């Protein structure tokens, strides 16, 4: 059996002057469902803590969209999104809400 080397995933770049918000990726949605199921199936909090640690360690790309254009998705590096969030004063807990993100950026 011959293994093929995987090509790196192509990432996009953020444009200046465009307000972006973070989208939930399919991976994050599945990961959260599995976490909730583990929490309520008796395996409990320890397995959820391990799962959360794995998620935080493995996550290196995020999905974003310009505010007002939900059909346009960009895949960017997580550290680039964290920098964008920090520069524009976007709260961690509100980064998935386009209306809230736009208000935060416009009030800078």
C-alpha atoms as a PDB file:
ATOM      1  CA  UNK A   1       0.000   0.000   0.000  1.00  0.00           C
ATOM      2  CA  UNK A   2       1.389   3.359  -1.040  1.00  0.00           C
ATOM      3  CA  UNK A   3       0.680   6.510   0.950  1.00  0.00           C
ATOM      4  CA  UNK A   4       0.234   9.815  -0.839  1.00  0.00           C
ATOM      5  CA  UNK A   5       1.325  13.041   0.741  1.00  0.00           C
ATOM      6  CA  UNK A   6      -1.607  15.372   1.341  1.00  0.00           C
ATOM      7  CA  UNK A   7      -1.409  18.849  -0.095  1.00  0.00           C
ATOM      8  CA  UNK A   8      -1.723  21.678   2.435  1.00  0.00           C
ATOM      9  CA  UNK A   9      -5.148  23.279   2.705  1.00  0.00           C
ATOM     10  CA  UNK A  10      -5.226  26.625   0.906  1.00  0.00           C
ATOM     11  CA  UNK A  11      -6.190  29.507   3.163  1.00  0.00           C
ATOM     12  CA  UNK A  12      -7.622  32.897   2.237  1.00  0.00           C
ATOM     13  CA  UNK A  13      -6.573  36.383   3.350  1.00  0.00           C
ATOM     14  CA  UNK A  14      -8.683  39.068   5.006  1.00  0.00           C
ATOM     15  CA  UNK A  15      -9.166  42.312   3.086  1.00  0.00           C
ATOM     16  CA  UNK A  16      -8.772  45.731   4.653  1.00  0.00           C
ATOM     17  CA  UNK A  17     -11.977  47.695   5.186  1.00  0.00           C
ATOM     18  CA  UNK A  18     -14.252  44.621   5.283  1.00  0.00           C
ATOM     19  CA  UNK A  19     -15.974  43.595   8.517  1.00  0.00           C
ATOM     20  CA  UNK A  20     -15.850  39.840   9.119  1.00  0.00           C
ATOM     21  CA  UNK A  21     -17.494  37.517  11.607  1.00  0.00           C
ATOM     22  CA  UNK A  22     -16.604  33.966  12.500  1.00  0.00           C
ATOM     23  CA  UNK A  23     -18.708  31.059  11.212  1.00  0.00           C
ATOM     24  CA  UNK A  24     -19.214  27.716  12.904  1.00  0.00           C
ATOM     25  CA  UNK A  25     -17.372  25.049  10.924  1.00  0.00           C
ATOM     26  CA  UNK A  26     -18.840  21.587  10.405  1.00  0.00           C
ATOM     27  CA  UNK A  27     -16.039  20.220  12.555  1.00  0.00           C
ATOM     28  CA  UNK A  28     -17.031  22.500  15.454  1.00  0.00           C
ATOM     29  CA  UNK A  29     -20.707  21.559  15.155  1.00  0.00           C
ATOM     30  CA  UNK A  30     -19.953  17.825  15.193  1.00  0.00           C
ATOM     31  CA  UNK A  31     -17.427  18.284  17.995  1.00  0.00           C
ATOM     32  CA  UNK A  32     -19.974  20.112  20.178  1.00  0.00           C
ATOM     33  CA  UNK A  33     -22.658  17.445  19.623  1.00  0.00           C
ATOM     34  CA  UNK A  34     -20.192  14.696  20.557  1.00  0.00           C
ATOM     35  CA  UNK A  35     -19.172  16.668  23.646  1.00  0.00           C
ATOM     36  CA  UNK A  36     -22.765  17.072  24.807  1.00  0.00           C
ATOM     37  CA  UNK A  37     -23.479  13.390  24.187  1.00  0.00           C
ATOM     38  CA  UNK A  38     -20.396  12.360  26.168  1.00  0.00           C
ATOM     39  CA  UNK A  39     -21.386  14.640  29.023  1.00  0.00           C
ATOM     40  CA  UNK A  40     -24.830  13.061  29.379  1.00  0.00           C
ATOM     41  CA  UNK A  41     -23.953   9.417  28.696  1.00  0.00           C
ATOM     42  CA  UNK A  42     -22.142   8.699  31.933  1.00  0.00           C
ATOM     43  CA  UNK A  43     -18.586   9.139  30.639  1.00  0.00           C
ATOM     44  CA  UNK A  44     -18.796  12.653  31.937  1.00  0.00           C
ATOM     45  CA  UNK A  45     -16.731  15.700  32.619  1.00  0.00           C
ATOM     46  CA  UNK A  46     -13.262  14.118  32.402  1.00  0.00           C
ATOM     47  CA  UNK A  47     -13.814  12.922  28.840  1.00  0.00           C
ATOM     48  CA  UNK A  48     -15.219  16.339  27.903  1.00  0.00           C
ATOM     49  CA  UNK A  49     -12.124  18.034  29.325  1.00  0.00           C
ATOM     50  CA  UNK A  50      -9.889  15.740  27.265  1.00  0.00           C
ATOM     51  CA  UNK A  51     -12.031  16.369  24.173  1.00  0.00           C
ATOM     52  CA  UNK A  52     -11.894  20.145  24.693  1.00  0.00           C
ATOM     53  CA  UNK A  53      -8.118  20.056  25.098  1.00  0.00           C
ATOM     54  CA  UNK A  54      -7.791  18.067  21.872  1.00  0.00           C
ATOM     55  CA  UNK A  55     -10.062  20.530  20.064  1.00  0.00           C
ATOM     56  CA  UNK A  56      -8.104  23.574  21.220  1.00  0.00           C
ATOM     57  CA  UNK A  57      -4.804  21.917  20.281  1.00  0.00           C
ATOM     58  CA  UNK A  58      -5.944  20.756  16.816  1.00  0.00           C
ATOM     59  CA  UNK A  59      -7.900  23.800  15.667  1.00  0.00           C
ATOM     60  CA  UNK A  60      -5.687  25.954  13.453  1.00  0.00           C
ATOM     61  CA  UNK A  61      -8.082  27.271  10.780  1.00  0.00           C
ATOM     62  CA  UNK A  62     -11.434  29.030  11.105  1.00  0.00           C
ATOM     63  CA  UNK A  63     -14.295  29.914   8.785  1.00  0.00           C
ATOM     64  CA  UNK A  64     -15.230  33.608   8.412  1.00  0.00           C
ATOM     65  CA  UNK A  65     -17.643  35.603   6.268  1.00  0.00           C
ATOM     66  CA  UNK A  66     -18.026  39.280   5.515  1.00  0.00           C
ATOM     67  CA  UNK A  67     -20.958  40.809   7.403  1.00  0.00           C
ATOM     68  CA  UNK A  68     -23.947  40.891   5.050  1.00  0.00           C
ATOM     69  CA  UNK A  69     -22.563  38.171   2.769  1.00  0.00           C
ATOM     70  CA  UNK A  70     -23.308  34.828   4.484  1.00  0.00           C
ATOM     71  CA  UNK A  71     -22.844  32.925   1.216  1.00  0.00           C
ATOM     72  CA  UNK A  72     -19.190  33.952   0.956  1.00  0.00           C
ATOM     73  CA  UNK A  73     -16.934  31.849   3.187  1.00  0.00           C
ATOM     74  CA  UNK A  74     -13.214  32.259   3.755  1.00  0.00           C
ATOM     75  CA  UNK A  75     -10.908  29.786   5.464  1.00  0.00           C
ATOM     76  CA  UNK A  76      -8.178  31.621   7.365  1.00  0.00           C
ATOM     77  CA  UNK A  77      -5.560  30.725   9.954  1.00  0.00           C
ATOM     78  CA  UNK A  78      -6.768  30.968  13.538  1.00  0.00           C
ATOM     79  CA  UNK A  79      -3.924  33.240  14.635  1.00  0.00           C
ATOM     80  CA  UNK A  80      -4.867  35.680  11.831  1.00  0.00           C
ATOM     81  CA  UNK A  81      -8.468  35.726  13.078  1.00  0.00           C
ATOM     82  CA  UNK A  82      -7.330  36.232  16.680  1.00  0.00           C
ATOM     83  CA  UNK A  83      -5.219  39.211  15.557  1.00  0.00           C
ATOM     84  CA  UNK A  84      -8.165  40.661  13.572  1.00  0.00           C
ATOM     85  CA  UNK A  85     -10.441  40.207  16.596  1.00  0.00           C
ATOM     86  CA  UNK A  86      -7.932  41.889  18.914  1.00  0.00           C
ATOM     87  CA  UNK A  87      -7.281  44.847  16.587  1.00  0.00           C
ATOM     88  CA  UNK A  88     -11.012  45.501  16.061  1.00  0.00           C
ATOM     89  CA  UNK A  89     -12.064  44.915  19.686  1.00  0.00           C
ATOM     90  CA  UNK A  90     -14.367  41.972  18.936  1.00  0.00           C
ATOM     91  CA  UNK A  91     -15.279  40.020  22.074  1.00  0.00           C
ATOM     92  CA  UNK A  92     -14.606  36.286  22.094  1.00  0.00           C
ATOM     93  CA  UNK A  93     -18.199  35.495  23.085  1.00  0.00           C
ATOM     94  CA  UNK A  94     -19.702  37.651  20.306  1.00  0.00           C
ATOM     95  CA  UNK A  95     -17.450  36.764  17.366  1.00  0.00           C
ATOM     96  CA  UNK A  96     -20.136  34.514  15.792  1.00  0.00           C
ATOM     97  CA  UNK A  97     -22.826  37.242  15.769  1.00  0.00           C
ATOM     98  CA  UNK A  98     -22.635  39.398  12.614  1.00  0.00           C
ATOM     99  CA  UNK A  99     -24.776  42.233  13.973  1.00  0.00           C
ATOM    100  CA  UNK A 100     -22.801  42.483  17.202  1.00  0.00           C
ATOM    101  CA  UNK A 101     -19.452  42.285  15.377  1.00  0.00           C
ATOM    102  CA  UNK A 102     -20.432  45.090  12.997  1.00  0.00           C
ATOM    103  CA  UNK A 103     -21.525  47.294  15.921  1.00  0.00           C
ATOM    104  CA  UNK A 104     -18.223  46.664  17.757  1.00  0.00           C
ATOM    105  CA  UNK A 105     -16.106  47.509  14.714  1.00  0.00           C
ATOM    106  CA  UNK A 106     -18.108  50.633  13.824  1.00  0.00           C
ATOM    107  CA  UNK A 107     -17.893  52.019  17.389  1.00  0.00           C
ATOM    108  CA  UNK A 108     -14.113  51.994  17.446  1.00  0.00           C
END
